[in-house]
Every structure is written in C-alpha cells, then in structure tokens.
C-alpha cells in the first residue's frame, strides 16, 4: 500500500488492541490519524508510537455513545487536519447479556444493542457531512464474526453485528453518489480481553465450548490485531477503490 500523506482518518476504539493496531497501520502508511477512545494514557502511547513510525496523530478522548462527544471528535479532526477522508468505527462493548436465548434478559439485550449501534454509528454520522463535502472517502464498520455465523448462545452478539453488516450495504448504496465507499469487516481477534478470559478459563463452560469450536475451525490460527489492522488499512485505501458494500471476514475461515 502506497503512502497517502494527504488523507485523514478518524479511528474509534483506538485504545483497544484492534483499533490501536488499525490506527498504527494507517499512520505507518502516511495517513494522519485522529484516534479516539476512553483511556487517555493508552491514547497518548498510541500517538507516540505513530509519531515514532513517522506518522502524524492526535488523540481525542471520547464516549461515543454521547452524540456531543461524537460531534466534538469530527470537529476536532477538521480543526486539526482540515478534513476527513476515512472513518474506521472500531469501538465496541463486550456483550452483557450472554447465554442461550431462553435465559437472557431481553431488556438488557436491547440496551446492549442500542449502545453498540450508538458507539459504531454516532461518529460516522457526524463525520459524514465533511466527507460528502470532499466528494470522496471510505467508511469501515468493524464488527463481530458472530454477525455472519449462527452460533448458539450468541443472540446478543448476532443482532447488532448482523444489523451493522447489512447497514453497511445500505450505506454503500446511499453514499455511492458521493464517491464514498462503505464496507464491513468481521473479526475474531486473539489478543483481546475477551480472548484472554477464554485462555485463562475465566468464562462459563458454554462460552468455553464456543471458543474451542472457533479455534478448531480456524485453519490459519486466530488472527492477531496487527493481522486485522493490515486488512482494515487495505480496505480503506485507494487499492480497494472498487470494493464497496462488501463484508470481509479476516478470520481465515
């Protein structure tokens, strides 16, 4: 992927392992990065790592369930770098309502779905007018592989993930007139707090069985954040200019 020094990317969830890896990969290729997350210490470390790799970055602490914070994130990107070309929506929440359908609290599940949608789409909505003004851009919704695979016990993961996948296809059609591409990236990433809990045996037996099945059907092993970061950077690059409305699985499955 060639350097793209004139482009500006807003990356949410950048203080998590996956969002941080995506931000670092973009920064390494000359994209100016506006990284957002909740952990200011990790955010500062990420900006330092991007700068050390020769890139430009700022960190904007934000709770993106809050629309005022999402608006401030977009405005800060414009004020600091003068535009927005790329939005990578990687922020997310661990599902709080877990288990088989008959056992979950549907009110809790509904709240989880609403919070996830707000986290993913609030920043996209506030960044979008600036991208339309430029007449080009790329949006990537990072979501769970649970949106593609029907997995018992994953209702509260499947609902928002599958919804985001289909929403990305709708947005791709809506925004094509503005030369804005929209894709979704489905992931299972090994170096995350959730995967660490599986490795340490710190989850229910039902979830342990689910993770063992995921591992067993991964012929190339479980991807690391840096592996998925490279895929995300490709999808938002000009190298992927003719890819829109696509759902890419970076799991080797």
Protein backbone atom coordinates (compact mmCIF):
# COMPACT_ATOMS: atom_id res chain seq x y z
CA UNK A 1 0.00 0.00 0.00
CA UNK A 2 1.48 3.35 -1.03
CA UNK A 3 1.86 6.27 1.37
CA UNK A 4 -1.18 8.58 1.43
CA UNK A 5 0.09 11.60 3.31
CA UNK A 6 -2.82 13.87 2.32
CA UNK A 7 -5.51 11.67 3.89
CA UNK A 8 -7.05 11.95 7.36
CA UNK A 9 -8.57 9.00 9.22
CA UNK A 10 -10.79 9.01 12.31
CA UNK A 11 -10.35 5.71 14.15
CA UNK A 12 -12.64 4.92 17.08
CA UNK A 13 -11.94 2.32 19.72
CA UNK A 14 -8.26 3.15 19.25
CA UNK A 15 -7.36 2.43 22.87
CA UNK A 16 -8.38 -1.21 22.34
CA UNK A 17 -6.00 -3.70 20.80
CA UNK A 18 -7.68 -3.88 17.41
CA UNK A 19 -8.49 -0.17 16.97
CA UNK A 20 -4.97 0.72 18.05
CA UNK A 21 -3.46 -1.69 15.53
CA UNK A 22 -5.58 -0.19 12.74
CA UNK A 23 -4.59 3.36 13.72
CA UNK A 24 -0.91 2.40 13.85
CA UNK A 25 -1.05 0.69 10.45
CA UNK A 26 -2.68 3.73 8.86
CA UNK A 27 -0.15 6.05 10.48
CA UNK A 28 2.71 3.93 9.19
CA UNK A 29 1.41 4.50 5.65
CA UNK A 30 1.29 8.27 5.93
CA UNK A 31 -2.35 8.77 6.87
CA UNK A 32 -2.92 11.46 9.53
CA UNK A 33 -4.79 9.74 12.35
CA UNK A 34 -7.38 11.11 14.75
CA UNK A 35 -7.55 8.33 17.32
CA UNK A 36 -10.39 8.17 19.82
CA UNK A 37 -11.06 6.08 22.90
CA UNK A 38 -11.74 6.22 26.62
CA UNK A 39 -8.23 5.57 28.01
CA UNK A 40 -6.13 8.74 27.74
CA UNK A 41 -2.91 7.01 28.83
CA UNK A 42 -3.18 4.36 26.12
CA UNK A 43 -4.18 7.07 23.65
CA UNK A 44 -1.04 9.07 24.36
CA UNK A 45 1.07 5.94 23.96
CA UNK A 46 -0.57 5.23 20.60
CA UNK A 47 0.13 8.77 19.36
CA UNK A 48 3.75 8.33 20.44
CA UNK A 49 4.02 5.03 18.55
CA UNK A 50 2.55 6.55 15.37
CA UNK A 51 4.88 9.53 15.65
CA UNK A 52 7.88 7.23 16.18
CA UNK A 53 6.92 5.42 12.97
CA UNK A 54 6.99 8.72 11.09
CA UNK A 55 3.26 9.42 11.12
CA UNK A 56 1.04 12.23 12.41
CA UNK A 57 -1.64 11.63 15.02
CA UNK A 58 -3.70 13.20 17.77
CA UNK A 59 -5.81 11.57 20.46
CA UNK A 60 -9.33 12.70 21.30
CA UNK A 61 -10.81 11.12 24.45
CA UNK A 62 -14.50 10.50 23.90
CA UNK A 63 -17.50 8.46 24.96
CA UNK A 64 -19.08 7.91 21.56
CA UNK A 65 -22.42 6.83 22.98
CA UNK A 66 -22.66 10.56 23.67
CA UNK A 67 -23.55 12.42 20.48
CA UNK A 68 -21.90 15.62 21.72
CA UNK A 69 -18.61 13.73 22.05
CA UNK A 70 -19.02 12.28 18.55
CA UNK A 71 -19.64 15.78 17.19
CA UNK A 72 -16.56 17.09 19.03
CA UNK A 73 -14.46 14.26 17.58
CA UNK A 74 -15.42 15.17 14.00
CA UNK A 75 -14.92 18.89 14.60
CA UNK A 76 -11.50 18.30 16.16
CA UNK A 77 -10.41 16.31 13.10
CA UNK A 78 -11.43 19.21 10.87
CA UNK A 79 -9.80 21.83 13.07
CA UNK A 80 -6.52 19.94 13.36
CA UNK A 81 -6.08 18.33 9.94
CA UNK A 82 -8.55 20.20 7.72
CA UNK A 83 -10.68 17.28 6.55
CA UNK A 84 -11.86 13.69 6.99
CA UNK A 85 -11.30 11.02 4.33
CA UNK A 86 -11.63 7.80 6.32
CA UNK A 87 -13.71 6.65 9.28
CA UNK A 88 -12.95 3.32 10.94
CA UNK A 89 -15.65 2.50 13.51
CA UNK A 90 -13.91 0.00 15.77
CA UNK A 91 -15.31 0.99 19.17
CA UNK A 92 -17.43 -1.67 20.81
CA UNK A 93 -18.69 -3.21 24.03
CA UNK A 94 -18.40 -6.71 25.49
CA UNK A 95 -21.89 -8.26 25.43
CA UNK A 96 -23.51 -8.08 28.85
CA UNK A 97 -26.45 -10.42 28.18
CA UNK A 98 -24.85 -13.79 27.47
CA UNK A 99 -26.25 -17.27 27.12
CA UNK A 100 -28.92 -19.24 25.30
CA UNK A 101 -31.94 -17.27 24.14
CA UNK A 102 -34.34 -18.66 26.77
CA UNK A 103 -32.11 -17.43 29.60
CA UNK A 104 -31.15 -13.92 28.55
CA UNK A 105 -32.76 -10.72 29.82
CA UNK A 106 -34.24 -9.15 26.67
CA UNK A 107 -34.32 -5.68 28.24
CA UNK A 108 -30.59 -5.99 28.92
CA UNK A 109 -30.04 -7.34 25.41
CA UNK A 110 -31.96 -4.43 23.90
CA UNK A 111 -29.84 -1.96 25.83
CA UNK A 112 -26.67 -3.70 24.67
CA UNK A 113 -27.78 -3.50 21.04
CA UNK A 114 -28.69 0.19 21.34
CA UNK A 115 -25.36 1.06 22.98
CA UNK A 116 -23.39 -0.84 20.33
CA UNK A 117 -25.20 0.89 17.47
CA UNK A 118 -24.62 4.31 19.05
CA UNK A 119 -20.91 3.61 19.56
CA UNK A 120 -20.45 2.49 15.96
CA UNK A 121 -22.64 4.93 14.08
CA UNK A 122 -22.61 8.21 16.03
CA UNK A 123 -19.10 9.14 14.84
CA UNK A 124 -19.90 8.02 11.29
CA UNK A 125 -22.95 10.27 11.19
CA UNK A 126 -21.06 13.33 12.45
CA UNK A 127 -18.04 12.77 10.16
CA UNK A 128 -20.20 12.15 7.10
CA UNK A 129 -21.04 15.77 6.15
CA UNK A 130 -17.34 16.61 5.89
CA UNK A 131 -16.73 13.56 3.70
CA UNK A 132 -19.67 14.46 1.45
CA UNK A 133 -18.24 17.96 1.14
CA UNK A 134 -14.97 16.44 -0.10
CA UNK A 135 -16.82 14.18 -2.51
CA UNK A 136 -14.88 11.05 -1.61
CA UNK A 137 -13.98 8.79 1.26
CA UNK A 138 -14.15 5.40 2.88
CA UNK A 139 -16.05 4.10 5.91
CA UNK A 140 -15.29 0.78 7.59
CA UNK A 141 -17.54 -0.77 10.24
CA UNK A 142 -15.61 -3.29 12.30
CA UNK A 143 -17.89 -5.88 13.86
CA UNK A 144 -18.03 -9.46 15.08
CA UNK A 145 -17.88 -12.65 13.06
CA UNK A 146 -20.99 -13.50 15.09
CA UNK A 147 -22.91 -11.39 12.60
CA UNK A 148 -22.12 -13.91 9.83
CA UNK A 149 -22.12 -17.22 11.69
CA UNK A 150 -25.12 -18.54 13.60
CA UNK A 151 -23.61 -19.59 16.92
CA UNK A 152 -25.74 -20.90 19.83
CA UNK A 153 -25.62 -18.56 22.80
CA UNK A 154 -24.67 -15.54 20.68
CA UNK A 155 -28.05 -13.85 20.16
CA UNK A 156 -26.89 -10.56 21.70
CA UNK A 157 -23.77 -10.57 19.51
CA UNK A 158 -25.58 -11.62 16.32
CA UNK A 159 -28.29 -8.95 16.50
CA UNK A 160 -26.12 -5.80 16.39
CA UNK A 161 -23.35 -7.40 14.30
CA UNK A 162 -25.65 -8.67 11.56
CA UNK A 163 -27.50 -5.36 11.63
CA UNK A 164 -24.27 -3.42 11.12
CA UNK A 165 -23.24 -5.69 8.26
CA UNK A 166 -26.49 -5.04 6.42
CA UNK A 167 -26.42 -1.34 7.34
CA UNK A 168 -23.01 -1.06 5.68
CA UNK A 169 -24.54 -2.38 2.45
CA UNK A 170 -27.40 0.12 2.65
CA UNK A 171 -24.96 2.97 3.32
CA UNK A 172 -22.78 1.84 0.43
CA UNK A 173 -25.73 2.33 -1.93
CA UNK A 174 -26.77 5.63 -0.36
CA UNK A 175 -23.30 7.15 -0.43
CA UNK A 176 -22.02 5.91 -3.79
CA UNK A 177 -23.35 9.13 -5.39
CA UNK A 178 -20.81 10.98 -3.21
CA UNK A 179 -17.96 8.60 -4.13
CA UNK A 180 -17.88 7.32 -0.55
CA UNK A 181 -17.26 3.60 -0.09
CA UNK A 182 -18.67 1.65 2.87
CA UNK A 183 -17.59 -1.84 3.91
CA UNK A 184 -17.78 -4.04 6.97
CA UNK A 185 -15.00 -6.13 8.48
CA UNK A 186 -15.87 -9.18 10.60
CA UNK A 187 -13.26 -10.22 13.12
CA UNK A 188 -12.24 -12.68 15.78
CA UNK A 189 -9.04 -11.39 17.35
CA UNK A 190 -6.79 -13.33 19.69
CA UNK A 191 -5.14 -10.51 21.62
CA UNK A 192 -8.23 -9.05 23.29
CA UNK A 193 -9.51 -9.07 26.90
CA UNK A 194 -12.31 -11.47 25.89
CA UNK A 195 -9.88 -13.93 24.35
CA UNK A 196 -7.62 -13.64 27.39
CA UNK A 197 -10.56 -14.64 29.60
CA UNK A 198 -11.08 -17.72 27.42
CA UNK A 199 -7.39 -18.61 27.62
CA UNK A 200 -7.47 -18.23 31.41
CA UNK A 201 -10.67 -20.29 31.75
CA UNK A 202 -12.49 -17.25 33.16
CA UNK A 203 -15.89 -17.74 31.48
CA UNK A 204 -18.85 -20.11 31.52
CA UNK A 205 -18.47 -23.64 30.20
CA UNK A 206 -20.90 -22.85 27.36
CA UNK A 207 -18.73 -19.95 26.22
CA UNK A 208 -15.60 -22.06 26.64
CA UNK A 209 -17.09 -24.63 24.24
CA UNK A 210 -17.92 -21.88 21.75
CA UNK A 211 -14.36 -20.53 21.79
CA UNK A 212 -12.92 -24.02 21.45
CA UNK A 213 -15.04 -24.53 18.33
CA UNK A 214 -13.86 -21.20 16.94
CA UNK A 215 -10.25 -22.24 17.47
CA UNK A 216 -10.81 -25.66 15.92
CA UNK A 217 -12.29 -24.27 12.70
CA UNK A 218 -9.52 -21.65 12.19
CA UNK A 219 -7.07 -23.34 9.78
CA UNK A 220 -4.59 -20.45 9.93
CA UNK A 221 -4.94 -19.92 13.66
CA UNK A 222 -6.60 -16.99 15.43
CA UNK A 223 -5.68 -13.61 13.95
CA UNK A 224 -3.77 -11.02 15.93
CA UNK A 225 -4.72 -7.35 15.97
CA UNK A 226 -1.84 -6.44 13.66
CA UNK A 227 -3.05 -9.00 11.09
CA UNK A 228 -6.52 -7.49 11.03
CA UNK A 229 -5.08 -3.96 11.08
CA UNK A 230 -3.38 -4.63 7.75
CA UNK A 231 -6.67 -5.83 6.22
CA UNK A 232 -8.52 -2.77 7.50
CA UNK A 233 -5.86 -0.42 6.13
CA UNK A 234 -6.19 -2.06 2.72
CA UNK A 235 -9.98 -1.78 2.68
CA UNK A 236 -9.94 1.97 3.31
CA UNK A 237 -7.10 2.57 0.82
CA UNK A 238 -7.28 3.51 -2.84
CA UNK A 239 -6.04 -0.01 -3.59
CA UNK A 240 -9.59 -1.12 -2.71
CA UNK A 241 -11.24 1.59 -4.80
CA UNK A 242 -13.75 -0.80 -6.40
CA UNK A 243 -14.75 -2.53 -3.16
CA UNK A 244 -17.91 -1.18 -1.55
CA UNK A 245 -20.87 -2.82 0.15
CA UNK A 246 -18.66 -5.81 0.90
CA UNK A 247 -18.37 -7.85 4.07
CA UNK A 248 -14.85 -9.14 4.58
CA UNK A 249 -14.02 -11.83 7.11
CA UNK A 250 -10.46 -11.57 8.43
CA UNK A 251 -10.56 -14.88 10.24
CA UNK A 252 -9.09 -17.35 7.73
CA UNK A 253 -12.37 -19.27 7.81
